[in-house]
Amino acid sequence: MQDFLLGSGIVLILIQVTGLIQLALRKYPEYFLGIIYGMILIDGVAVIGWASLLKPYSNDHILMLGGVGFALLMSTIHKIKKFLTQSTK
């Protein structure tokens, strides 16, 4: 169970990246597609870095990667909700 929580801890970083991207989109809305590709790149680097740095501290690597997958799902749901509320304003 603690390995799952160790892996899902990245959701806090991914939510911060979402806020950063949302601020960039407000300031530069004409660069929407480039900013989205940057978000994918930053998320990928954060997830790979998190998983590779914390892998030695977990007992069950598969369970930790399951937590990372869960965090990605939660982050994606959070991003969809944030961007939909931003687009309706």
N, C-alpha and C. Protein backbone atom coordinates (compact mmCIF):
# COMPACT_ATOMS: atom_id res chain seq x y z
N MET A 1 0.81 -1.19 0.00
CA MET A 1 0.00 0.00 0.00
C MET A 1 0.86 1.26 0.00
N GLN A 2 1.95 1.26 0.76
CA GLN A 2 2.78 2.45 0.80
C GLN A 2 3.51 2.69 -0.52
N ASP A 3 3.76 1.62 -1.28
CA ASP A 3 4.36 1.79 -2.59
C ASP A 3 3.39 2.46 -3.55
N PHE A 4 2.12 2.15 -3.45
CA PHE A 4 1.10 2.78 -4.27
C PHE A 4 1.02 4.27 -3.94
N LEU A 5 1.07 4.62 -2.67
CA LEU A 5 1.03 6.02 -2.26
C LEU A 5 2.30 6.76 -2.67
N LEU A 6 3.42 6.05 -2.63
CA LEU A 6 4.68 6.63 -3.08
C LEU A 6 4.60 6.99 -4.56
N GLY A 7 4.01 6.12 -5.34
CA GLY A 7 3.87 6.39 -6.77
C GLY A 7 2.84 7.45 -7.07
N SER A 8 1.75 7.48 -6.31
CA SER A 8 0.69 8.43 -6.59
C SER A 8 0.98 9.82 -6.03
N GLY A 9 2.08 10.00 -5.34
CA GLY A 9 2.46 11.31 -4.82
C GLY A 9 2.79 12.31 -5.90
N ILE A 10 3.06 11.83 -7.10
CA ILE A 10 3.39 12.74 -8.20
C ILE A 10 2.21 13.60 -8.62
N VAL A 11 1.01 13.23 -8.20
CA VAL A 11 -0.17 14.01 -8.58
C VAL A 11 -0.04 15.45 -8.08
N LEU A 12 0.64 15.68 -6.98
CA LEU A 12 0.83 17.04 -6.47
C LEU A 12 1.68 17.88 -7.42
N ILE A 13 2.71 17.28 -7.98
CA ILE A 13 3.56 17.98 -8.95
C ILE A 13 2.80 18.23 -10.24
N LEU A 14 2.03 17.23 -10.69
CA LEU A 14 1.30 17.38 -11.95
C LEU A 14 0.21 18.44 -11.85
N ILE A 15 -0.39 18.58 -10.69
CA ILE A 15 -1.39 19.64 -10.51
C ILE A 15 -0.73 21.01 -10.55
N GLN A 16 0.47 21.13 -10.01
CA GLN A 16 1.20 22.40 -10.09
C GLN A 16 1.56 22.74 -11.52
N VAL A 17 1.92 21.74 -12.31
CA VAL A 17 2.21 21.96 -13.73
C VAL A 17 0.96 22.44 -14.45
N THR A 18 -0.19 21.92 -14.09
CA THR A 18 -1.45 22.34 -14.69
C THR A 18 -1.69 23.82 -14.42
N GLY A 19 -1.46 24.26 -13.21
CA GLY A 19 -1.62 25.67 -12.88
C GLY A 19 -0.66 26.55 -13.66
N LEU A 20 0.58 26.09 -13.82
CA LEU A 20 1.57 26.83 -14.59
C LEU A 20 1.15 26.96 -16.05
N ILE A 21 0.66 25.87 -16.62
CA ILE A 21 0.21 25.87 -18.01
C ILE A 21 -1.00 26.76 -18.17
N GLN A 22 -1.89 26.75 -17.21
CA GLN A 22 -3.08 27.60 -17.28
C GLN A 22 -2.70 29.08 -17.26
N LEU A 23 -1.72 29.45 -16.46
CA LEU A 23 -1.25 30.83 -16.45
C LEU A 23 -0.61 31.21 -17.79
N ALA A 24 0.16 30.29 -18.36
CA ALA A 24 0.79 30.55 -19.65
C ALA A 24 -0.27 30.70 -20.75
N LEU A 25 -1.33 29.91 -20.68
CA LEU A 25 -2.39 30.01 -21.68
C LEU A 25 -3.16 31.32 -21.56
N ARG A 26 -3.31 31.83 -20.36
CA ARG A 26 -3.97 33.12 -20.19
C ARG A 26 -3.14 34.25 -20.76
N LYS A 27 -1.82 34.14 -20.59
CA LYS A 27 -0.94 35.20 -21.05
C LYS A 27 -0.68 35.12 -22.55
N TYR A 28 -0.52 33.92 -23.09
CA TYR A 28 -0.22 33.72 -24.51
C TYR A 28 -1.23 32.77 -25.14
N PRO A 29 -2.46 33.18 -25.34
CA PRO A 29 -3.45 32.25 -25.90
C PRO A 29 -3.18 31.90 -27.36
N GLU A 30 -2.40 32.71 -28.07
CA GLU A 30 -2.12 32.41 -29.48
C GLU A 30 -1.15 31.25 -29.65
N TYR A 31 -0.43 30.88 -28.60
CA TYR A 31 0.52 29.76 -28.66
C TYR A 31 -0.05 28.52 -28.00
N PHE A 32 -1.33 28.30 -28.15
CA PHE A 32 -2.04 27.22 -27.46
C PHE A 32 -1.42 25.85 -27.74
N LEU A 33 -1.21 25.51 -28.99
CA LEU A 33 -0.71 24.17 -29.32
C LEU A 33 0.72 23.96 -28.82
N GLY A 34 1.56 24.97 -28.92
CA GLY A 34 2.92 24.84 -28.42
C GLY A 34 2.97 24.67 -26.91
N ILE A 35 2.10 25.38 -26.22
CA ILE A 35 2.06 25.27 -24.76
C ILE A 35 1.56 23.89 -24.34
N ILE A 36 0.60 23.34 -25.07
CA ILE A 36 0.10 22.01 -24.75
C ILE A 36 1.19 20.96 -24.96
N TYR A 37 1.96 21.08 -26.04
CA TYR A 37 3.08 20.15 -26.24
C TYR A 37 4.11 20.29 -25.12
N GLY A 38 4.33 21.52 -24.67
CA GLY A 38 5.23 21.73 -23.54
C GLY A 38 4.71 21.08 -22.27
N MET A 39 3.39 21.12 -22.07
CA MET A 39 2.79 20.48 -20.90
C MET A 39 3.01 18.97 -20.94
N ILE A 40 2.83 18.39 -22.11
CA ILE A 40 3.06 16.95 -22.25
C ILE A 40 4.52 16.61 -21.96
N LEU A 41 5.43 17.44 -22.45
CA LEU A 41 6.85 17.21 -22.21
C LEU A 41 7.20 17.34 -20.73
N ILE A 42 6.70 18.39 -20.08
CA ILE A 42 6.99 18.59 -18.66
C ILE A 42 6.40 17.46 -17.82
N ASP A 43 5.17 17.05 -18.13
CA ASP A 43 4.55 15.94 -17.41
C ASP A 43 5.35 14.65 -17.60
N GLY A 44 5.78 14.39 -18.82
CA GLY A 44 6.55 13.18 -19.09
C GLY A 44 7.87 13.16 -18.34
N VAL A 45 8.57 14.28 -18.35
CA VAL A 45 9.85 14.36 -17.63
C VAL A 45 9.62 14.19 -16.13
N ALA A 46 8.57 14.82 -15.61
CA ALA A 46 8.28 14.71 -14.17
C ALA A 46 7.94 13.27 -13.79
N VAL A 47 7.14 12.60 -14.60
CA VAL A 47 6.74 11.23 -14.27
C VAL A 47 7.92 10.28 -14.37
N ILE A 48 8.70 10.40 -15.43
CA ILE A 48 9.86 9.51 -15.58
C ILE A 48 10.88 9.77 -14.48
N GLY A 49 11.10 11.04 -14.16
CA GLY A 49 12.03 11.36 -13.07
C GLY A 49 11.55 10.85 -11.73
N TRP A 50 10.27 11.03 -11.45
CA TRP A 50 9.69 10.56 -10.18
C TRP A 50 9.82 9.04 -10.06
N ALA A 51 9.44 8.35 -11.12
CA ALA A 51 9.46 6.89 -11.07
C ALA A 51 10.88 6.36 -10.96
N SER A 52 11.82 6.96 -11.68
CA SER A 52 13.19 6.45 -11.64
C SER A 52 13.91 6.82 -10.34
N LEU A 53 13.60 7.98 -9.78
CA LEU A 53 14.26 8.38 -8.53
C LEU A 53 13.72 7.63 -7.32
N LEU A 54 12.44 7.30 -7.32
CA LEU A 54 11.85 6.66 -6.15
C LEU A 54 11.76 5.14 -6.28
N LYS A 55 12.16 4.61 -7.41
CA LYS A 55 12.10 3.16 -7.59
C LYS A 55 12.95 2.40 -6.56
N PRO A 56 14.15 2.88 -6.20
CA PRO A 56 14.93 2.15 -5.18
C PRO A 56 14.28 2.12 -3.80
N TYR A 57 13.37 3.04 -3.53
CA TYR A 57 12.75 3.12 -2.21
C TYR A 57 11.47 2.29 -2.09
N SER A 58 11.07 1.65 -3.17
CA SER A 58 9.84 0.86 -3.12
C SER A 58 10.17 -0.64 -3.07
N ASN A 59 9.32 -1.39 -2.40
CA ASN A 59 9.49 -2.83 -2.33
C ASN A 59 8.85 -3.54 -3.51
N ASP A 60 7.71 -3.03 -3.95
CA ASP A 60 6.98 -3.62 -5.06
C ASP A 60 6.91 -2.58 -6.18
N HIS A 61 7.76 -2.76 -7.21
CA HIS A 61 7.86 -1.77 -8.28
C HIS A 61 6.58 -1.69 -9.10
N ILE A 62 5.92 -2.81 -9.30
CA ILE A 62 4.69 -2.82 -10.09
C ILE A 62 3.60 -2.01 -9.38
N LEU A 63 3.50 -2.14 -8.08
CA LEU A 63 2.50 -1.40 -7.32
C LEU A 63 2.81 0.10 -7.35
N MET A 64 4.09 0.46 -7.30
CA MET A 64 4.46 1.87 -7.38
C MET A 64 4.10 2.44 -8.75
N LEU A 65 4.37 1.70 -9.80
CA LEU A 65 4.01 2.17 -11.14
C LEU A 65 2.49 2.23 -11.32
N GLY A 66 1.76 1.38 -10.63
CA GLY A 66 0.30 1.49 -10.62
C GLY A 66 -0.15 2.78 -9.97
N GLY A 67 0.53 3.19 -8.91
CA GLY A 67 0.24 4.47 -8.27
C GLY A 67 0.55 5.64 -9.19
N VAL A 68 1.63 5.52 -9.97
CA VAL A 68 1.97 6.57 -10.94
C VAL A 68 0.88 6.64 -12.02
N GLY A 69 0.40 5.50 -12.47
CA GLY A 69 -0.69 5.48 -13.44
C GLY A 69 -1.96 6.09 -12.89
N PHE A 70 -2.27 5.80 -11.64
CA PHE A 70 -3.43 6.40 -10.98
C PHE A 70 -3.28 7.90 -10.88
N ALA A 71 -2.06 8.36 -10.56
CA ALA A 71 -1.81 9.80 -10.47
C ALA A 71 -1.98 10.46 -11.83
N LEU A 72 -1.55 9.79 -12.89
CA LEU A 72 -1.75 10.35 -14.23
C LEU A 72 -3.23 10.46 -14.57
N LEU A 73 -4.00 9.47 -14.19
CA LEU A 73 -5.45 9.52 -14.43
C LEU A 73 -6.09 10.67 -13.65
N MET A 74 -5.73 10.81 -12.39
CA MET A 74 -6.29 11.90 -11.58
C MET A 74 -5.86 13.27 -12.11
N SER A 75 -4.62 13.37 -12.56
CA SER A 75 -4.13 14.62 -13.12
C SER A 75 -4.85 14.96 -14.42
N THR A 76 -5.11 13.97 -15.24
CA THR A 76 -5.83 14.20 -16.48
C THR A 76 -7.26 14.67 -16.22
N ILE A 77 -7.92 14.06 -15.26
CA ILE A 77 -9.27 14.49 -14.90
C ILE A 77 -9.24 15.93 -14.37
N HIS A 78 -8.24 16.25 -13.56
CA HIS A 78 -8.10 17.61 -13.04
C HIS A 78 -7.88 18.61 -14.18
N LYS A 79 -7.03 18.26 -15.15
CA LYS A 79 -6.75 19.15 -16.28
C LYS A 79 -8.00 19.37 -17.12
N ILE A 80 -8.75 18.33 -17.36
CA ILE A 80 -9.97 18.47 -18.16
C ILE A 80 -10.94 19.41 -17.47
N LYS A 81 -11.11 19.24 -16.16
CA LYS A 81 -12.03 20.11 -15.42
C LYS A 81 -11.54 21.55 -15.43
N LYS A 82 -10.24 21.76 -15.24
CA LYS A 82 -9.69 23.12 -15.22
C LYS A 82 -9.84 23.80 -16.56
N PHE A 83 -9.48 23.09 -17.64
CA PHE A 83 -9.51 23.72 -18.96
C PHE A 83 -10.93 23.92 -19.45
N LEU A 84 -11.86 23.06 -19.06
CA LEU A 84 -13.26 23.26 -19.46
C LEU A 84 -13.87 24.46 -18.73
N THR A 85 -13.53 24.63 -17.46
CA THR A 85 -14.06 25.79 -16.74
C THR A 85 -13.42 27.08 -17.25
N GLN A 86 -12.16 27.00 -17.69
CA GLN A 86 -11.49 28.18 -18.24
C GLN A 86 -12.09 28.55 -19.59
N SER A 87 -12.47 27.58 -20.39
CA SER A 87 -12.99 27.86 -21.72
C SER A 87 -14.43 28.39 -21.67
N THR A 88 -15.15 28.11 -20.60
CA THR A 88 -16.52 28.61 -20.52
C THR A 88 -16.60 30.02 -19.95
N LYS A 89 -15.50 30.53 -19.41
CA LYS A 89 -15.50 31.90 -18.86
C LYS A 89 -15.39 32.94 -19.94
